[in-house]
Amino acid sequence: MVLSVSGVLLLGIIVFLFFRKDGLKFSHALICGLFGFYLAGTAMAPGIRAGGESLAQLLGGIAL
């Protein structure tokens, strides 16, 4: 759950920055959000979630 909340927060910040700095239109952000919402209900969702968790573990294991 913590990974989901932090991931959503991070992606929300990125979308906001694209909206403010790079000219992302609100309609484009809305379409992307709806796409993600409907994608979460498909058979691909567990694979995408596992990939995100693997990436988070990889990044968490990097020692600086």
PDB file of N, CA and C in Angstrom:
ATOM      1  N   MET A   1       0.822  -1.195   0.000  1.00  0.00           N
ATOM      2  CA  MET A   1       0.000   0.000   0.000  1.00  0.00           C
ATOM      3  C   MET A   1       0.861   1.252   0.000  1.00  0.00           C
ATOM      4  N   VAL A   2       1.945   1.255   0.777  1.00  0.00           N
ATOM      5  CA  VAL A   2       2.806   2.430   0.849  1.00  0.00           C
ATOM      6  C   VAL A   2       3.431   2.706  -0.512  1.00  0.00           C
ATOM      7  N   LEU A   3       3.833   1.631  -1.215  1.00  0.00           N
ATOM      8  CA  LEU A   3       4.413   1.798  -2.539  1.00  0.00           C
ATOM      9  C   LEU A   3       3.392   2.390  -3.500  1.00  0.00           C
ATOM     10  N   SER A   4       2.146   1.965  -3.411  1.00  0.00           N
ATOM     11  CA  SER A   4       1.102   2.486  -4.291  1.00  0.00           C
ATOM     12  C   SER A   4       0.869   3.970  -4.060  1.00  0.00           C
ATOM     13  N   VAL A   5       0.767   4.359  -2.784  1.00  0.00           N
ATOM     14  CA  VAL A   5       0.518   5.757  -2.462  1.00  0.00           C
ATOM     15  C   VAL A   5       1.690   6.625  -2.894  1.00  0.00           C
ATOM     16  N   SER A   6       2.917   6.195  -2.594  1.00  0.00           N
ATOM     17  CA  SER A   6       4.076   7.000  -2.975  1.00  0.00           C
ATOM     18  C   SER A   6       4.244   7.026  -4.489  1.00  0.00           C
ATOM     19  N   GLY A   7       3.931   5.924  -5.154  1.00  0.00           N
ATOM     20  CA  GLY A   7       4.006   5.898  -6.614  1.00  0.00           C
ATOM     21  C   GLY A   7       2.997   6.837  -7.252  1.00  0.00           C
ATOM     22  N   VAL A   8       1.787   6.832  -6.729  1.00  0.00           N
ATOM     23  CA  VAL A   8       0.742   7.726  -7.242  1.00  0.00           C
ATOM     24  C   VAL A   8       1.122   9.180  -6.987  1.00  0.00           C
ATOM     25  N   LEU A   9       1.668   9.444  -5.814  1.00  0.00           N
ATOM     26  CA  LEU A   9       2.084  10.801  -5.486  1.00  0.00           C
ATOM     27  C   LEU A   9       3.206  11.260  -6.419  1.00  0.00           C
ATOM     28  N   LEU A  10       4.196  10.403  -6.640  1.00  0.00           N
ATOM     29  CA  LEU A  10       5.304  10.746  -7.528  1.00  0.00           C
ATOM     30  C   LEU A  10       4.810  10.998  -8.945  1.00  0.00           C
ATOM     31  N   LEU A  11       3.968  10.114  -9.461  1.00  0.00           N
ATOM     32  CA  LEU A  11       3.444  10.297 -10.814  1.00  0.00           C
ATOM     33  C   LEU A  11       2.554  11.536 -10.902  1.00  0.00           C
ATOM     34  N   GLY A  12       1.818  11.827  -9.849  1.00  0.00           N
ATOM     35  CA  GLY A  12       1.003  13.040  -9.830  1.00  0.00           C
ATOM     36  C   GLY A  12       1.857  14.295  -9.900  1.00  0.00           C
ATOM     37  N   ILE A  13       2.969  14.288  -9.176  1.00  0.00           N
ATOM     38  CA  ILE A  13       3.880  15.439  -9.218  1.00  0.00           C
ATOM     39  C   ILE A  13       4.485  15.592 -10.612  1.00  0.00           C
ATOM     40  N   ILE A  14       4.871  14.471 -11.222  1.00  0.00           N
ATOM     41  CA  ILE A  14       5.435  14.525 -12.574  1.00  0.00           C
ATOM     42  C   ILE A  14       4.420  15.073 -13.562  1.00  0.00           C
ATOM     43  N   VAL A  15       3.177  14.617 -13.472  1.00  0.00           N
ATOM     44  CA  VAL A  15       2.128  15.124 -14.373  1.00  0.00           C
ATOM     45  C   VAL A  15       1.916  16.616 -14.146  1.00  0.00           C
ATOM     46  N   PHE A  16       1.909  17.037 -12.875  1.00  0.00           N
ATOM     47  CA  PHE A  16       1.742  18.452 -12.570  1.00  0.00           C
ATOM     48  C   PHE A  16       2.881  19.278 -13.175  1.00  0.00           C
ATOM     49  N   LEU A  17       4.116  18.788 -13.051  1.00  0.00           N
ATOM     50  CA  LEU A  17       5.253  19.515 -13.627  1.00  0.00           C
ATOM     51  C   LEU A  17       5.159  19.572 -15.150  1.00  0.00           C
ATOM     52  N   PHE A  18       4.755  18.473 -15.775  1.00  0.00           N
ATOM     53  CA  PHE A  18       4.560  18.498 -17.226  1.00  0.00           C
ATOM     54  C   PHE A  18       3.477  19.503 -17.609  1.00  0.00           C
ATOM     55  N   PHE A  19       2.427  19.551 -16.801  1.00  0.00           N
ATOM     56  CA  PHE A  19       1.317  20.464 -17.069  1.00  0.00           C
ATOM     57  C   PHE A  19       1.776  21.913 -16.976  1.00  0.00           C
ATOM     58  N   ARG A  20       2.585  22.226 -15.960  1.00  0.00           N
ATOM     59  CA  ARG A  20       3.024  23.609 -15.734  1.00  0.00           C
ATOM     60  C   ARG A  20       4.182  24.029 -16.631  1.00  0.00           C
ATOM     61  N   LYS A  21       5.140  23.149 -16.847  1.00  0.00           N
ATOM     62  CA  LYS A  21       6.377  23.534 -17.531  1.00  0.00           C
ATOM     63  C   LYS A  21       6.410  23.166 -19.009  1.00  0.00           C
ATOM     64  N   ASP A  22       5.904  22.004 -19.370  1.00  0.00           N
ATOM     65  CA  ASP A  22       6.073  21.502 -20.725  1.00  0.00           C
ATOM     66  C   ASP A  22       4.831  21.618 -21.601  1.00  0.00           C
ATOM     67  N   GLY A  23       3.828  22.299 -21.127  1.00  0.00           N
ATOM     68  CA  GLY A  23       2.653  22.533 -21.956  1.00  0.00           C
ATOM     69  C   GLY A  23       1.699  21.353 -22.078  1.00  0.00           C
ATOM     70  N   LEU A  24       1.708  20.440 -21.106  1.00  0.00           N
ATOM     71  CA  LEU A  24       0.754  19.341 -21.122  1.00  0.00           C
ATOM     72  C   LEU A  24      -0.641  19.919 -20.918  1.00  0.00           C
ATOM     73  N   LYS A  25      -1.526  19.591 -21.801  1.00  0.00           N
ATOM     74  CA  LYS A  25      -2.886  20.096 -21.675  1.00  0.00           C
ATOM     75  C   LYS A  25      -3.656  19.253 -20.659  1.00  0.00           C
ATOM     76  N   PHE A  26      -4.611  19.882 -20.004  1.00  0.00           N
ATOM     77  CA  PHE A  26      -5.413  19.187 -19.005  1.00  0.00           C
ATOM     78  C   PHE A  26      -6.138  18.003 -19.625  1.00  0.00           C
ATOM     79  N   SER A  27      -6.607  18.152 -20.856  1.00  0.00           N
ATOM     80  CA  SER A  27      -7.320  17.054 -21.514  1.00  0.00           C
ATOM     81  C   SER A  27      -6.406  15.854 -21.719  1.00  0.00           C
ATOM     82  N   HIS A  28      -5.122  16.097 -22.027  1.00  0.00           N
ATOM     83  CA  HIS A  28      -4.176  14.994 -22.202  1.00  0.00           C
ATOM     84  C   HIS A  28      -3.942  14.272 -20.882  1.00  0.00           C
ATOM     85  N   ALA A  29      -3.791  15.035 -19.801  1.00  0.00           N
ATOM     86  CA  ALA A  29      -3.602  14.430 -18.482  1.00  0.00           C
ATOM     87  C   ALA A  29      -4.839  13.620 -18.085  1.00  0.00           C
ATOM     88  N   LEU A  30      -6.008  14.114 -18.398  1.00  0.00           N
ATOM     89  CA  LEU A  30      -7.245  13.405 -18.091  1.00  0.00           C
ATOM     90  C   LEU A  30      -7.331  12.093 -18.868  1.00  0.00           C
ATOM     91  N   ILE A  31      -6.989  12.117 -20.135  1.00  0.00           N
ATOM     92  CA  ILE A  31      -7.000  10.911 -20.962  1.00  0.00           C
ATOM     93  C   ILE A  31      -6.007   9.887 -20.411  1.00  0.00           C
ATOM     94  N   CYS A  32      -4.813  10.342 -20.026  1.00  0.00           N
ATOM     95  CA  CYS A  32      -3.810   9.431 -19.453  1.00  0.00           C
ATOM     96  C   CYS A  32      -4.308   8.824 -18.152  1.00  0.00           C
ATOM     97  N   GLY A  33      -4.958   9.613 -17.318  1.00  0.00           N
ATOM     98  CA  GLY A  33      -5.512   9.102 -16.073  1.00  0.00           C
ATOM     99  C   GLY A  33      -6.593   8.067 -16.313  1.00  0.00           C
ATOM    100  N   LEU A  34      -7.478   8.335 -17.252  1.00  0.00           N
ATOM    101  CA  LEU A  34      -8.528   7.372 -17.577  1.00  0.00           C
ATOM    102  C   LEU A  34      -7.940   6.090 -18.161  1.00  0.00           C
ATOM    103  N   PHE A  35      -6.912   6.228 -18.997  1.00  0.00           N
ATOM    104  CA  PHE A  35      -6.249   5.065 -19.559  1.00  0.00           C
ATOM    105  C   PHE A  35      -5.677   4.188 -18.445  1.00  0.00           C
ATOM    106  N   GLY A  36      -5.001   4.807 -17.479  1.00  0.00           N
ATOM    107  CA  GLY A  36      -4.441   4.063 -16.359  1.00  0.00           C
ATOM    108  C   GLY A  36      -5.517   3.407 -15.516  1.00  0.00           C
ATOM    109  N   PHE A  37      -6.621   4.109 -15.328  1.00  0.00           N
ATOM    110  CA  PHE A  37      -7.735   3.565 -14.549  1.00  0.00           C
ATOM    111  C   PHE A  37      -8.293   2.313 -15.211  1.00  0.00           C
ATOM    112  N   TYR A  38      -8.515   2.361 -16.506  1.00  0.00           N
ATOM    113  CA  TYR A  38      -9.062   1.205 -17.205  1.00  0.00           C
ATOM    114  C   TYR A  38      -8.011   0.114 -17.391  1.00  0.00           C
ATOM    115  N   LEU A  39      -6.745   0.481 -17.531  1.00  0.00           N
ATOM    116  CA  LEU A  39      -5.676  -0.507 -17.645  1.00  0.00           C
ATOM    117  C   LEU A  39      -5.554  -1.323 -16.372  1.00  0.00           C
ATOM    118  N   ALA A  40      -5.847  -0.717 -15.226  1.00  0.00           N
ATOM    119  CA  ALA A  40      -5.763  -1.421 -13.946  1.00  0.00           C
ATOM    120  C   ALA A  40      -6.770  -2.560 -13.858  1.00  0.00           C
ATOM    121  N   GLY A  41      -7.800  -2.533 -14.659  1.00  0.00           N
ATOM    122  CA  GLY A  41      -8.812  -3.585 -14.636  1.00  0.00           C
ATOM    123  C   GLY A  41      -8.569  -4.692 -15.640  1.00  0.00           C
ATOM    124  N   THR A  42      -7.437  -4.665 -16.341  1.00  0.00           N
ATOM    125  CA  THR A  42      -7.154  -5.679 -17.352  1.00  0.00           C
ATOM    126  C   THR A  42      -6.268  -6.780 -16.784  1.00  0.00           C
ATOM    127  N   ALA A  43      -5.997  -7.780 -17.594  1.00  0.00           N
ATOM    128  CA  ALA A  43      -5.122  -8.883 -17.192  1.00  0.00           C
ATOM    129  C   ALA A  43      -3.654  -8.453 -17.125  1.00  0.00           C
ATOM    130  N   MET A  44      -3.321  -7.305 -17.683  1.00  0.00           N
ATOM    131  CA  MET A  44      -1.942  -6.820 -17.661  1.00  0.00           C
ATOM    132  C   MET A  44      -1.582  -6.168 -16.333  1.00  0.00           C
ATOM    133  N   ALA A  45      -2.557  -5.830 -15.530  1.00  0.00           N
ATOM    134  CA  ALA A  45      -2.323  -5.091 -14.283  1.00  0.00           C
ATOM    135  C   ALA A  45      -1.365  -5.795 -13.317  1.00  0.00           C
ATOM    136  N   PRO A  46      -1.493  -7.112 -13.071  1.00  0.00           N
ATOM    137  CA  PRO A  46      -0.544  -7.747 -12.148  1.00  0.00           C
ATOM    138  C   PRO A  46       0.906  -7.693 -12.640  1.00  0.00           C
ATOM    139  N   GLY A  47       1.115  -7.834 -13.940  1.00  0.00           N
ATOM    140  CA  GLY A  47       2.461  -7.751 -14.501  1.00  0.00           C
ATOM    141  C   GLY A  47       3.052  -6.359 -14.381  1.00  0.00           C
ATOM    142  N   ILE A  48       2.229  -5.352 -14.603  1.00  0.00           N
ATOM    143  CA  ILE A  48       2.685  -3.970 -14.471  1.00  0.00           C
ATOM    144  C   ILE A  48       3.009  -3.669 -13.010  1.00  0.00           C
ATOM    145  N   ARG A  49       2.172  -4.135 -12.104  1.00  0.00           N
ATOM    146  CA  ARG A  49       2.408  -3.930 -10.675  1.00  0.00           C
ATOM    147  C   ARG A  49       3.698  -4.630 -10.240  1.00  0.00           C
ATOM    148  N   ALA A  50       3.915  -5.862 -10.709  1.00  0.00           N
ATOM    149  CA  ALA A  50       5.131  -6.597 -10.351  1.00  0.00           C
ATOM    150  C   ALA A  50       6.365  -5.888 -10.903  1.00  0.00           C
ATOM    151  N   GLY A  51       6.275  -5.355 -12.106  1.00  0.00           N
ATOM    152  CA  GLY A  51       7.392  -4.607 -12.677  1.00  0.00           C
ATOM    153  C   GLY A  51       7.701  -3.353 -11.884  1.00  0.00           C
ATOM    154  N   GLY A  52       6.672  -2.664 -11.454  1.00  0.00           N
ATOM    155  CA  GLY A  52       6.869  -1.466 -10.634  1.00  0.00           C
ATOM    156  C   GLY A  52       7.495  -1.792  -9.288  1.00  0.00           C
ATOM    157  N   GLU A  53       7.051  -2.897  -8.693  1.00  0.00           N
ATOM    158  CA  GLU A  53       7.627  -3.303  -7.409  1.00  0.00           C
ATOM    159  C   GLU A  53       9.080  -3.732  -7.565  1.00  0.00           C
ATOM    160  N   SER A  54       9.392  -4.414  -8.662  1.00  0.00           N
ATOM    161  CA  SER A  54      10.781  -4.816  -8.917  1.00  0.00           C
ATOM    162  C   SER A  54      11.672  -3.594  -9.108  1.00  0.00           C
ATOM    163  N   LEU A  55      11.174  -2.613  -9.827  1.00  0.00           N
ATOM    164  CA  LEU A  55      11.937  -1.381 -10.037  1.00  0.00           C
ATOM    165  C   LEU A  55      12.150  -0.644  -8.719  1.00  0.00           C
ATOM    166  N   ALA A  56      11.129  -0.611  -7.877  1.00  0.00           N
ATOM    167  CA  ALA A  56      11.254   0.048  -6.579  1.00  0.00           C
ATOM    168  C   ALA A  56      12.274  -0.668  -5.698  1.00  0.00           C
ATOM    169  N   GLN A  57      12.283  -1.998  -5.724  1.00  0.00           N
ATOM    170  CA  GLN A  57      13.268  -2.755  -4.949  1.00  0.00           C
ATOM    171  C   GLN A  57      14.673  -2.523  -5.484  1.00  0.00           C
ATOM    172  N   LEU A  58      14.803  -2.465  -6.810  1.00  0.00           N
ATOM    173  CA  LEU A  58      16.110  -2.210  -7.417  1.00  0.00           C
ATOM    174  C   LEU A  58      16.632  -0.839  -7.015  1.00  0.00           C
ATOM    175  N   LEU A  59      15.790   0.167  -7.099  1.00  0.00           N
ATOM    176  CA  LEU A  59      16.202   1.522  -6.734  1.00  0.00           C
ATOM    177  C   LEU A  59      16.443   1.637  -5.239  1.00  0.00           C
ATOM    178  N   GLY A  60      15.682   0.905  -4.442  1.00  0.00           N
ATOM    179  CA  GLY A  60      15.875   0.926  -3.003  1.00  0.00           C
ATOM    180  C   GLY A  60      17.148   0.234  -2.556  1.00  0.00           C
ATOM    181  N   GLY A  61      17.659  -0.666  -3.384  1.00  0.00           N
ATOM    182  CA  GLY A  61      18.868  -1.400  -3.038  1.00  0.00           C
ATOM    183  C   GLY A  61      20.155  -0.710  -3.454  1.00  0.00           C
ATOM    184  N   ILE A  62      20.043   0.405  -4.154  1.00  0.00           N
ATOM    185  CA  ILE A  62      21.246   1.130  -4.600  1.00  0.00           C
ATOM    186  C   ILE A  62      21.828   1.867  -3.416  1.00  0.00           C
ATOM    187  N   ALA A  63      23.069   1.593  -3.121  1.00  0.00           N
ATOM    188  CA  ALA A  63      23.763   2.282  -2.014  1.00  0.00           C
ATOM    189  C   ALA A  63      24.599   3.411  -2.589  1.00  0.00           C
ATOM    190  N   LEU A  64      24.414   4.582  -2.029  1.00  0.00           N
ATOM    191  CA  LEU A  64      25.161   5.740  -2.535  1.00  0.00           C
ATOM    192  C   LEU A  64      26.441   5.921  -1.784  1.00  0.00           C
TER     193      LEU A  64
END
